[in-house]
């Protein structure tokens, strides 16, 4: 039986950037899946006019890096949901 750890992170940003996330549950052999969505002013997820994508996720010992792109000219609030599996 595998263990899956789910974490959520909120932030603001726009353009293309790498979000480093420290995690003692992350190893270079971990399988990691990530998704992103926009949040409204009340913190509720919705599909807005901006395209938000996760391009790559790199698992490392003690952390993982998530390459995100938010296609909008100004900062938007987003939620990144990450699943880490170590089986």
C-alpha atoms as a PDB file:
ATOM      1  CA  UNK A   1       0.000   0.000   0.000  1.00  0.00           C
ATOM      2  CA  UNK A   2       1.381   3.408  -0.943  1.00  0.00           C
ATOM      3  CA  UNK A   3       1.122   6.604   1.048  1.00  0.00           C
ATOM      4  CA  UNK A   4      -0.009   9.759  -0.722  1.00  0.00           C
ATOM      5  CA  UNK A   5       0.494  13.147   0.887  1.00  0.00           C
ATOM      6  CA  UNK A   6      -1.710  16.044  -0.254  1.00  0.00           C
ATOM      7  CA  UNK A   7      -0.642  19.649   0.315  1.00  0.00           C
ATOM      8  CA  UNK A   8      -2.102  22.945  -0.820  1.00  0.00           C
ATOM      9  CA  UNK A   9      -0.310  26.263  -1.204  1.00  0.00           C
ATOM     10  CA  UNK A  10      -1.762  29.653  -2.011  1.00  0.00           C
ATOM     11  CA  UNK A  11       0.147  32.555  -3.468  1.00  0.00           C
ATOM     12  CA  UNK A  12       0.071  35.412  -5.910  1.00  0.00           C
ATOM     13  CA  UNK A  13       1.991  35.790  -9.122  1.00  0.00           C
ATOM     14  CA  UNK A  14       2.001  36.072 -12.874  1.00  0.00           C
ATOM     15  CA  UNK A  15       4.230  34.991 -15.724  1.00  0.00           C
ATOM     16  CA  UNK A  16       6.495  31.957 -15.643  1.00  0.00           C
ATOM     17  CA  UNK A  17       8.236  31.011 -12.385  1.00  0.00           C
ATOM     18  CA  UNK A  18       9.536  28.043 -10.398  1.00  0.00           C
ATOM     19  CA  UNK A  19       7.961  27.550  -6.959  1.00  0.00           C
ATOM     20  CA  UNK A  20      10.363  25.632  -4.663  1.00  0.00           C
ATOM     21  CA  UNK A  21       8.546  23.762  -1.886  1.00  0.00           C
ATOM     22  CA  UNK A  22      10.369  22.218   1.071  1.00  0.00           C
ATOM     23  CA  UNK A  23       9.018  18.816   2.066  1.00  0.00           C
ATOM     24  CA  UNK A  24      10.537  16.112   4.264  1.00  0.00           C
ATOM     25  CA  UNK A  25       8.259  13.655   2.399  1.00  0.00           C
ATOM     26  CA  UNK A  26       9.922  14.394  -0.951  1.00  0.00           C
ATOM     27  CA  UNK A  27      12.715  12.241  -2.344  1.00  0.00           C
ATOM     28  CA  UNK A  28      14.318  12.137  -5.778  1.00  0.00           C
ATOM     29  CA  UNK A  29      12.401   8.869  -6.329  1.00  0.00           C
ATOM     30  CA  UNK A  30       8.987  10.362  -5.373  1.00  0.00           C
ATOM     31  CA  UNK A  31       6.111  10.600  -7.826  1.00  0.00           C
ATOM     32  CA  UNK A  32       4.572  14.070  -7.692  1.00  0.00           C
ATOM     33  CA  UNK A  33       1.449  15.427  -9.384  1.00  0.00           C
ATOM     34  CA  UNK A  34       0.436  19.098  -9.231  1.00  0.00           C
ATOM     35  CA  UNK A  35      -2.516  21.211 -10.338  1.00  0.00           C
ATOM     36  CA  UNK A  36      -3.229  24.933 -10.205  1.00  0.00           C
ATOM     37  CA  UNK A  37      -6.395  27.050 -10.101  1.00  0.00           C
ATOM     38  CA  UNK A  38      -7.280  30.700  -9.635  1.00  0.00           C
ATOM     39  CA  UNK A  39      -8.904  31.847  -6.381  1.00  0.00           C
ATOM     40  CA  UNK A  40     -11.523  34.584  -6.087  1.00  0.00           C
ATOM     41  CA  UNK A  41     -11.504  37.312  -3.407  1.00  0.00           C
ATOM     42  CA  UNK A  42     -13.184  34.894  -0.954  1.00  0.00           C
ATOM     43  CA  UNK A  43     -10.625  32.111  -1.535  1.00  0.00           C
ATOM     44  CA  UNK A  44     -12.932  30.014  -3.715  1.00  0.00           C
ATOM     45  CA  UNK A  45     -11.490  28.255  -6.781  1.00  0.00           C
ATOM     46  CA  UNK A  46     -12.821  29.219 -10.200  1.00  0.00           C
ATOM     47  CA  UNK A  47     -11.884  29.142 -13.871  1.00  0.00           C
ATOM     48  CA  UNK A  48     -11.212  32.742 -14.848  1.00  0.00           C
ATOM     49  CA  UNK A  49      -9.921  34.396 -18.009  1.00  0.00           C
ATOM     50  CA  UNK A  50      -6.251  33.720 -17.225  1.00  0.00           C
ATOM     51  CA  UNK A  51      -4.642  30.485 -18.364  1.00  0.00           C
ATOM     52  CA  UNK A  52      -2.789  28.796 -15.478  1.00  0.00           C
ATOM     53  CA  UNK A  53      -0.558  25.794 -16.118  1.00  0.00           C
ATOM     54  CA  UNK A  54       1.913  23.531 -14.351  1.00  0.00           C
ATOM     55  CA  UNK A  55       4.721  22.684 -16.788  1.00  0.00           C
ATOM     56  CA  UNK A  56       7.130  20.483 -14.834  1.00  0.00           C
ATOM     57  CA  UNK A  57       7.600  19.068 -11.364  1.00  0.00           C
ATOM     58  CA  UNK A  58      11.049  17.957 -10.171  1.00  0.00           C
ATOM     59  CA  UNK A  59      11.276  15.742  -7.089  1.00  0.00           C
ATOM     60  CA  UNK A  60      14.414  16.250  -5.013  1.00  0.00           C
ATOM     61  CA  UNK A  61      15.515  15.035  -1.605  1.00  0.00           C
ATOM     62  CA  UNK A  62      13.793  17.315   0.917  1.00  0.00           C
ATOM     63  CA  UNK A  63      11.954  19.477  -1.615  1.00  0.00           C
ATOM     64  CA  UNK A  64      10.342  19.680  -5.014  1.00  0.00           C
ATOM     65  CA  UNK A  65      10.242  22.403  -7.636  1.00  0.00           C
ATOM     66  CA  UNK A  66       7.066  23.253  -9.554  1.00  0.00           C
ATOM     67  CA  UNK A  67       7.315  25.275 -12.779  1.00  0.00           C
ATOM     68  CA  UNK A  68       4.148  27.383 -13.068  1.00  0.00           C
ATOM     69  CA  UNK A  69       2.897  29.774 -15.738  1.00  0.00           C
ATOM     70  CA  UNK A  70       0.097  32.291 -15.161  1.00  0.00           C
ATOM     71  CA  UNK A  71      -0.772  34.051 -18.410  1.00  0.00           C
ATOM     72  CA  UNK A  72      -1.930  37.416 -17.091  1.00  0.00           C
ATOM     73  CA  UNK A  73      -0.227  40.843 -17.009  1.00  0.00           C
ATOM     74  CA  UNK A  74      -0.685  41.347 -13.248  1.00  0.00           C
ATOM     75  CA  UNK A  75      -0.596  39.179 -10.129  1.00  0.00           C
ATOM     76  CA  UNK A  76      -3.455  36.755  -9.523  1.00  0.00           C
ATOM     77  CA  UNK A  77      -4.164  34.639  -6.464  1.00  0.00           C
ATOM     78  CA  UNK A  78      -3.726  30.925  -7.100  1.00  0.00           C
ATOM     79  CA  UNK A  79      -3.877  27.603  -5.269  1.00  0.00           C
ATOM     80  CA  UNK A  80      -1.370  24.881  -6.030  1.00  0.00           C
ATOM     81  CA  UNK A  81      -2.441  21.357  -5.016  1.00  0.00           C
ATOM     82  CA  UNK A  82       0.301  18.736  -4.838  1.00  0.00           C
ATOM     83  CA  UNK A  83       0.170  14.961  -4.331  1.00  0.00           C
ATOM     84  CA  UNK A  84       3.400  13.203  -3.305  1.00  0.00           C
ATOM     85  CA  UNK A  85       3.624   9.394  -3.470  1.00  0.00           C
ATOM     86  CA  UNK A  86       6.490   7.247  -2.190  1.00  0.00           C
ATOM     87  CA  UNK A  87       5.739   3.602  -2.966  1.00  0.00           C
END
